[in-house]
Amino acid sequence: MQATARAQTKLAQAVHRAEAGQRRTDTRGWVVQRRERTRHLIELGGLVHKAGLVDLTDDDRATLYGAMLELVARAQGDDAGNVLALWKRRGKRAFDTEAQGSETV
């Protein structure tokens, strides 16, 4: 009985691995778009973490969401062009500083 149960478990694991491999290589249009969207969302989440917002808010989702809504309000305000340009400069500067720091390591 135990041998049969082990064999069934191994078979189920093999089937799962095969299905996972098929999912990773699926090239249907909607699957590719979904995978790209997922990657994009993960990268955006990484930026939230990299900016220190997660630690600053103790991972409080309501606070993070409120802060982001405030950013949107500022970006849509009367001074939107200047605000966006300022944020872009700061972001580029931070990326450049980080890139220089990783080159010396």
Foldseek 3Di string as FASTA:
>chain_A
DVVVVVVVVVVVVVVVVVVVVCLVPDDPPVSVVVVVVVVVVVVVVVVCVVVVVCVVVVNDPVVVVVVVVVVVPCCPDPCNVVSVVVVVVVVVVVVVVVVVVVVVD
